[in-house]
Amino acid sequence: MPAYQVDHVVDQTGAGDVLTGTVAARLALGDDLRAAVRLGAAAAALSLQGHGGTGHLASLDESRRLVAQTSAREVLT
């Protein structure tokens, strides 16, 4: 599973829920498992930047930018 870094971690609350919800939604929309997990992991990482479970809910575009900015090599190491 990929792990993405963010600049500033504020709170971990809800990150697992964001991961799970994003993966489920993307699978329901027809994404393959690998793409869904990458996007879910990016959304979860971005959610760490806000307070509480809904402090920062990343947009689809924001999550996609984080995936695109992180090379496969960075993710796997």
N, C-alpha and C. Protein backbone atom coordinates (compact mmCIF):
# COMPACT_ATOMS: atom_id res chain seq x y z
N MET A 1 0.84 -1.17 0.00
CA MET A 1 0.00 0.00 0.00
C MET A 1 0.89 1.24 0.00
N PRO A 2 0.59 2.21 -0.83
CA PRO A 2 1.40 3.43 -0.86
C PRO A 2 1.19 4.26 0.40
N ALA A 3 2.22 4.98 0.76
CA ALA A 3 2.14 5.93 1.87
C ALA A 3 2.61 7.27 1.34
N TYR A 4 1.85 8.29 1.59
CA TYR A 4 2.18 9.63 1.11
C TYR A 4 2.54 10.52 2.28
N GLN A 5 3.51 11.39 2.07
CA GLN A 5 3.91 12.34 3.11
C GLN A 5 3.23 13.67 2.88
N VAL A 6 2.88 14.31 3.98
CA VAL A 6 2.33 15.66 3.93
C VAL A 6 3.22 16.56 4.77
N ASP A 7 3.13 17.84 4.54
CA ASP A 7 4.02 18.79 5.21
C ASP A 7 3.81 18.89 6.71
N HIS A 8 2.56 18.83 7.15
CA HIS A 8 2.28 19.09 8.56
C HIS A 8 1.15 18.18 9.04
N VAL A 9 1.44 17.30 9.98
CA VAL A 9 0.42 16.43 10.55
C VAL A 9 -0.15 17.09 11.80
N VAL A 10 -1.48 17.23 11.81
CA VAL A 10 -2.17 17.86 12.93
C VAL A 10 -2.90 16.82 13.78
N ASP A 11 -3.62 15.91 13.13
CA ASP A 11 -4.48 14.98 13.86
C ASP A 11 -4.72 13.75 12.99
N GLN A 12 -4.64 12.58 13.61
CA GLN A 12 -4.84 11.32 12.87
C GLN A 12 -6.30 10.86 12.86
N THR A 13 -7.14 11.53 13.62
CA THR A 13 -8.53 11.11 13.75
C THR A 13 -9.21 11.05 12.38
N GLY A 14 -9.78 9.91 12.08
CA GLY A 14 -10.56 9.76 10.86
C GLY A 14 -9.78 9.37 9.62
N ALA A 15 -8.47 9.29 9.69
CA ALA A 15 -7.67 8.99 8.50
C ALA A 15 -8.02 7.62 7.93
N GLY A 16 -8.23 6.65 8.79
CA GLY A 16 -8.61 5.31 8.32
C GLY A 16 -9.98 5.31 7.67
N ASP A 17 -10.89 6.11 8.21
CA ASP A 17 -12.22 6.24 7.61
C ASP A 17 -12.14 6.89 6.24
N VAL A 18 -11.28 7.89 6.11
CA VAL A 18 -11.10 8.54 4.81
C VAL A 18 -10.53 7.55 3.80
N LEU A 19 -9.54 6.77 4.21
CA LEU A 19 -8.97 5.75 3.33
C LEU A 19 -10.06 4.77 2.88
N THR A 20 -10.77 4.21 3.83
CA THR A 20 -11.79 3.21 3.51
C THR A 20 -12.90 3.77 2.65
N GLY A 21 -13.38 4.94 3.00
CA GLY A 21 -14.47 5.56 2.24
C GLY A 21 -14.07 5.90 0.83
N THR A 22 -12.86 6.42 0.67
CA THR A 22 -12.39 6.77 -0.67
C THR A 22 -12.21 5.52 -1.53
N VAL A 23 -11.61 4.48 -0.96
CA VAL A 23 -11.42 3.24 -1.72
C VAL A 23 -12.77 2.67 -2.12
N ALA A 24 -13.71 2.60 -1.20
CA ALA A 24 -15.04 2.05 -1.51
C ALA A 24 -15.73 2.86 -2.61
N ALA A 25 -15.66 4.19 -2.49
CA ALA A 25 -16.31 5.04 -3.49
C ALA A 25 -15.67 4.88 -4.86
N ARG A 26 -14.35 4.83 -4.90
CA ARG A 26 -13.66 4.71 -6.20
C ARG A 26 -13.92 3.35 -6.83
N LEU A 27 -13.98 2.29 -6.02
CA LEU A 27 -14.31 0.97 -6.56
C LEU A 27 -15.74 0.97 -7.11
N ALA A 28 -16.66 1.61 -6.40
CA ALA A 28 -18.04 1.69 -6.87
C ALA A 28 -18.15 2.47 -8.18
N LEU A 29 -17.23 3.40 -8.38
CA LEU A 29 -17.22 4.20 -9.61
C LEU A 29 -16.46 3.51 -10.75
N GLY A 30 -15.90 2.32 -10.47
CA GLY A 30 -15.26 1.54 -11.52
C GLY A 30 -13.75 1.57 -11.56
N ASP A 31 -13.10 2.26 -10.62
CA ASP A 31 -11.63 2.25 -10.58
C ASP A 31 -11.14 0.84 -10.26
N ASP A 32 -9.93 0.51 -10.74
CA ASP A 32 -9.36 -0.77 -10.32
C ASP A 32 -8.82 -0.61 -8.89
N LEU A 33 -8.54 -1.74 -8.24
CA LEU A 33 -8.15 -1.72 -6.84
C LEU A 33 -6.90 -0.88 -6.59
N ARG A 34 -5.90 -1.03 -7.44
CA ARG A 34 -4.65 -0.29 -7.25
C ARG A 34 -4.89 1.22 -7.29
N ALA A 35 -5.65 1.69 -8.27
CA ALA A 35 -5.94 3.13 -8.39
C ALA A 35 -6.76 3.61 -7.20
N ALA A 36 -7.72 2.81 -6.78
CA ALA A 36 -8.58 3.19 -5.65
C ALA A 36 -7.77 3.31 -4.36
N VAL A 37 -6.85 2.37 -4.14
CA VAL A 37 -6.03 2.41 -2.92
C VAL A 37 -5.06 3.58 -2.96
N ARG A 38 -4.47 3.84 -4.11
CA ARG A 38 -3.56 5.01 -4.22
C ARG A 38 -4.29 6.30 -3.88
N LEU A 39 -5.47 6.47 -4.46
CA LEU A 39 -6.23 7.70 -4.21
C LEU A 39 -6.70 7.75 -2.75
N GLY A 40 -7.11 6.61 -2.21
CA GLY A 40 -7.53 6.56 -0.81
C GLY A 40 -6.41 6.89 0.14
N ALA A 41 -5.22 6.38 -0.13
CA ALA A 41 -4.07 6.67 0.71
C ALA A 41 -3.68 8.14 0.64
N ALA A 42 -3.79 8.73 -0.54
CA ALA A 42 -3.49 10.15 -0.69
C ALA A 42 -4.52 10.99 0.07
N ALA A 43 -5.79 10.66 -0.06
CA ALA A 43 -6.84 11.40 0.66
C ALA A 43 -6.64 11.27 2.17
N ALA A 44 -6.29 10.08 2.63
CA ALA A 44 -6.06 9.86 4.06
C ALA A 44 -4.87 10.68 4.56
N ALA A 45 -3.79 10.70 3.78
CA ALA A 45 -2.62 11.50 4.17
C ALA A 45 -2.99 12.98 4.27
N LEU A 46 -3.74 13.46 3.30
CA LEU A 46 -4.13 14.87 3.32
C LEU A 46 -5.05 15.18 4.50
N SER A 47 -5.85 14.20 4.92
CA SER A 47 -6.77 14.43 6.04
C SER A 47 -6.03 14.66 7.35
N LEU A 48 -4.77 14.23 7.42
CA LEU A 48 -3.97 14.41 8.63
C LEU A 48 -3.67 15.88 8.92
N GLN A 49 -3.90 16.74 7.96
CA GLN A 49 -3.56 18.15 8.10
C GLN A 49 -4.65 18.98 8.79
N GLY A 50 -5.77 18.36 9.15
CA GLY A 50 -6.84 19.09 9.82
C GLY A 50 -7.14 18.52 11.19
N HIS A 51 -7.86 19.28 12.01
CA HIS A 51 -8.25 18.84 13.35
C HIS A 51 -9.52 18.00 13.27
N GLY A 52 -9.50 16.86 13.92
CA GLY A 52 -10.68 16.02 14.01
C GLY A 52 -10.95 15.24 12.74
N GLY A 53 -11.99 14.42 12.79
CA GLY A 53 -12.30 13.54 11.68
C GLY A 53 -12.71 14.22 10.40
N THR A 54 -13.17 15.46 10.49
CA THR A 54 -13.57 16.18 9.29
C THR A 54 -12.83 17.51 9.15
N GLY A 55 -11.68 17.61 9.79
CA GLY A 55 -10.92 18.86 9.77
C GLY A 55 -10.39 19.24 8.41
N HIS A 56 -9.98 18.24 7.64
CA HIS A 56 -9.53 18.51 6.28
C HIS A 56 -9.92 17.32 5.41
N LEU A 57 -10.95 17.49 4.63
CA LEU A 57 -11.37 16.47 3.69
C LEU A 57 -10.94 16.92 2.30
N ALA A 58 -9.96 16.23 1.76
CA ALA A 58 -9.36 16.62 0.48
C ALA A 58 -10.35 16.44 -0.67
N SER A 59 -10.26 17.33 -1.63
CA SER A 59 -11.04 17.18 -2.85
C SER A 59 -10.41 16.09 -3.72
N LEU A 60 -11.17 15.64 -4.69
CA LEU A 60 -10.64 14.65 -5.63
C LEU A 60 -9.42 15.21 -6.35
N ASP A 61 -9.49 16.46 -6.78
CA ASP A 61 -8.36 17.07 -7.47
C ASP A 61 -7.13 17.15 -6.58
N GLU A 62 -7.32 17.52 -5.32
CA GLU A 62 -6.19 17.62 -4.39
C GLU A 62 -5.54 16.24 -4.18
N SER A 63 -6.37 15.22 -4.03
CA SER A 63 -5.85 13.86 -3.86
C SER A 63 -5.11 13.39 -5.10
N ARG A 64 -5.67 13.67 -6.26
CA ARG A 64 -5.01 13.29 -7.51
C ARG A 64 -3.68 14.00 -7.69
N ARG A 65 -3.61 15.27 -7.27
CA ARG A 65 -2.34 16.01 -7.36
C ARG A 65 -1.27 15.36 -6.50
N LEU A 66 -1.63 14.94 -5.29
CA LEU A 66 -0.65 14.30 -4.42
C LEU A 66 -0.16 12.99 -5.04
N VAL A 67 -1.05 12.21 -5.61
CA VAL A 67 -0.66 10.96 -6.28
C VAL A 67 0.29 11.28 -7.43
N ALA A 68 -0.06 12.28 -8.23
CA ALA A 68 0.75 12.62 -9.41
C ALA A 68 2.12 13.18 -9.02
N GLN A 69 2.19 13.89 -7.90
CA GLN A 69 3.44 14.51 -7.47
C GLN A 69 4.41 13.52 -6.84
N THR A 70 3.92 12.36 -6.48
CA THR A 70 4.74 11.37 -5.79
C THR A 70 5.08 10.26 -6.77
N SER A 71 6.35 10.08 -7.01
CA SER A 71 6.76 9.04 -7.96
C SER A 71 6.57 7.66 -7.35
N ALA A 72 6.45 6.67 -8.20
CA ALA A 72 6.30 5.28 -7.74
C ALA A 72 7.48 4.88 -6.86
N ARG A 73 8.65 5.37 -7.19
CA ARG A 73 9.85 5.03 -6.40
C ARG A 73 9.73 5.58 -4.98
N GLU A 74 9.25 6.83 -4.84
CA GLU A 74 9.07 7.41 -3.51
C GLU A 74 8.06 6.63 -2.70
N VAL A 75 7.00 6.18 -3.34
CA VAL A 75 5.94 5.47 -2.65
C VAL A 75 6.41 4.11 -2.15
N LEU A 76 7.23 3.43 -2.92
CA LEU A 76 7.62 2.07 -2.58
C LEU A 76 8.78 1.99 -1.61
N THR A 77 9.48 3.07 -1.37
CA THR A 77 10.63 3.00 -0.46
C THR A 77 10.26 3.38 0.93
